[in-house]
Amino acid sequence: MSDLTTFPNAPLPTDAQVRARSNLFIQAARFAVLNIKMIVMVTKGHH
């Protein structure tokens, strides 16, 4: 018996999504935005 789980109905990423995920500049920009969102959330939590 195989322990492999498959998801046949899962959507496949488009070519644009694959390029965006492998582009370091886009990854760095998304990382920066995520960090800014976290900083804003933490600063709002401290009254």
N, C-alpha and C. Protein backbone atom coordinates (compact mmCIF):
# COMPACT_ATOMS: atom_id res chain seq x y z
N MET A 1 0.84 -1.18 0.00
CA MET A 1 0.00 0.00 0.00
C MET A 1 0.89 1.25 0.00
N SER A 2 0.51 2.24 -0.78
CA SER A 2 1.29 3.46 -0.92
C SER A 2 0.80 4.53 0.04
N ASP A 3 1.73 5.28 0.62
CA ASP A 3 1.39 6.39 1.51
C ASP A 3 1.26 7.70 0.75
N LEU A 4 1.32 7.64 -0.58
CA LEU A 4 1.28 8.82 -1.40
C LEU A 4 -0.15 9.32 -1.54
N THR A 5 -0.37 10.61 -1.27
CA THR A 5 -1.68 11.21 -1.43
C THR A 5 -1.66 12.06 -2.68
N THR A 6 -2.66 11.88 -3.52
CA THR A 6 -2.75 12.68 -4.74
C THR A 6 -4.01 13.53 -4.68
N PHE A 7 -3.96 14.65 -5.36
CA PHE A 7 -5.09 15.56 -5.43
C PHE A 7 -5.39 15.83 -6.91
N PRO A 8 -6.13 14.96 -7.54
CA PRO A 8 -6.35 15.09 -8.98
C PRO A 8 -7.17 16.33 -9.36
N ASN A 9 -7.96 16.86 -8.45
CA ASN A 9 -8.80 18.02 -8.77
C ASN A 9 -8.15 19.34 -8.38
N ALA A 10 -6.92 19.30 -7.87
CA ALA A 10 -6.23 20.52 -7.46
C ALA A 10 -5.85 21.33 -8.70
N PRO A 11 -6.04 22.66 -8.63
CA PRO A 11 -5.68 23.48 -9.79
C PRO A 11 -4.16 23.57 -9.94
N LEU A 12 -3.70 23.53 -11.17
CA LEU A 12 -2.28 23.68 -11.46
C LEU A 12 -1.96 25.16 -11.64
N PRO A 13 -0.77 25.60 -11.21
CA PRO A 13 -0.42 27.01 -11.39
C PRO A 13 -0.23 27.34 -12.87
N THR A 14 -0.58 28.57 -13.21
CA THR A 14 -0.38 29.03 -14.58
C THR A 14 1.10 29.31 -14.80
N ASP A 15 1.47 29.53 -16.05
CA ASP A 15 2.87 29.85 -16.36
C ASP A 15 3.30 31.14 -15.66
N ALA A 16 2.40 32.13 -15.59
CA ALA A 16 2.72 33.39 -14.93
C ALA A 16 2.95 33.17 -13.44
N GLN A 17 2.16 32.32 -12.81
CA GLN A 17 2.34 32.04 -11.39
C GLN A 17 3.66 31.33 -11.13
N VAL A 18 4.02 30.41 -12.00
CA VAL A 18 5.29 29.69 -11.83
C VAL A 18 6.46 30.65 -11.98
N ARG A 19 6.39 31.55 -12.97
CA ARG A 19 7.46 32.54 -13.15
C ARG A 19 7.55 33.47 -11.95
N ALA A 20 6.41 33.91 -11.42
CA ALA A 20 6.40 34.81 -10.27
C ALA A 20 6.97 34.13 -9.03
N ARG A 21 6.68 32.86 -8.87
CA ARG A 21 7.17 32.13 -7.70
C ARG A 21 8.67 31.87 -7.78
N SER A 22 9.23 31.82 -8.98
CA SER A 22 10.65 31.54 -9.12
C SER A 22 11.48 32.81 -9.32
N ASN A 23 10.81 33.97 -9.41
CA ASN A 23 11.52 35.24 -9.61
C ASN A 23 11.94 35.79 -8.24
N LEU A 24 13.24 35.94 -8.02
CA LEU A 24 13.74 36.39 -6.73
C LEU A 24 13.30 37.81 -6.39
N PHE A 25 13.19 38.68 -7.38
CA PHE A 25 12.76 40.06 -7.12
C PHE A 25 11.33 40.08 -6.58
N ILE A 26 10.45 39.31 -7.20
CA ILE A 26 9.06 39.26 -6.74
C ILE A 26 8.98 38.61 -5.36
N GLN A 27 9.77 37.58 -5.13
CA GLN A 27 9.79 36.95 -3.81
C GLN A 27 10.25 37.94 -2.74
N ALA A 28 11.28 38.72 -3.04
CA ALA A 28 11.79 39.70 -2.08
C ALA A 28 10.74 40.78 -1.80
N ALA A 29 10.04 41.22 -2.84
CA ALA A 29 9.00 42.24 -2.66
C ALA A 29 7.86 41.68 -1.81
N ARG A 30 7.44 40.47 -2.09
CA ARG A 30 6.36 39.86 -1.29
C ARG A 30 6.79 39.66 0.16
N PHE A 31 8.06 39.30 0.36
CA PHE A 31 8.59 39.12 1.71
C PHE A 31 8.58 40.45 2.46
N ALA A 32 8.97 41.52 1.79
CA ALA A 32 8.97 42.85 2.41
C ALA A 32 7.56 43.27 2.79
N VAL A 33 6.61 43.06 1.90
CA VAL A 33 5.21 43.41 2.18
C VAL A 33 4.69 42.61 3.37
N LEU A 34 5.00 41.33 3.41
CA LEU A 34 4.58 40.49 4.53
C LEU A 34 5.16 41.00 5.84
N ASN A 35 6.46 41.36 5.84
CA ASN A 35 7.09 41.87 7.05
C ASN A 35 6.47 43.19 7.49
N ILE A 36 6.16 44.06 6.55
CA ILE A 36 5.53 45.34 6.90
C ILE A 36 4.15 45.09 7.51
N LYS A 37 3.40 44.17 6.95
CA LYS A 37 2.08 43.84 7.51
C LYS A 37 2.21 43.32 8.94
N MET A 38 3.21 42.48 9.18
CA MET A 38 3.41 41.95 10.53
C MET A 38 3.80 43.06 11.50
N ILE A 39 4.68 43.96 11.05
CA ILE A 39 5.10 45.07 11.92
C ILE A 39 3.89 45.95 12.27
N VAL A 40 3.06 46.23 11.29
CA VAL A 40 1.87 47.04 11.54
C VAL A 40 0.95 46.33 12.53
N MET A 41 0.75 45.04 12.36
CA MET A 41 -0.12 44.28 13.25
C MET A 41 0.43 44.29 14.68
N VAL A 42 1.73 44.11 14.85
CA VAL A 42 2.33 44.09 16.18
C VAL A 42 2.25 45.46 16.83
N THR A 43 2.53 46.51 16.07
CA THR A 43 2.48 47.87 16.66
C THR A 43 1.06 48.27 17.02
N LYS A 44 0.06 47.82 16.29
CA LYS A 44 -1.33 48.12 16.65
C LYS A 44 -1.73 47.36 17.92
N GLY A 45 -1.12 46.23 18.17
CA GLY A 45 -1.46 45.43 19.34
C GLY A 45 -0.91 46.02 20.63
N HIS A 46 0.11 46.85 20.55
CA HIS A 46 0.69 47.48 21.74
C HIS A 46 0.06 48.85 21.92
N HIS A 47 -0.76 49.00 22.93
CA HIS A 47 -1.51 50.26 23.11
C HIS A 47 -0.62 51.35 23.60
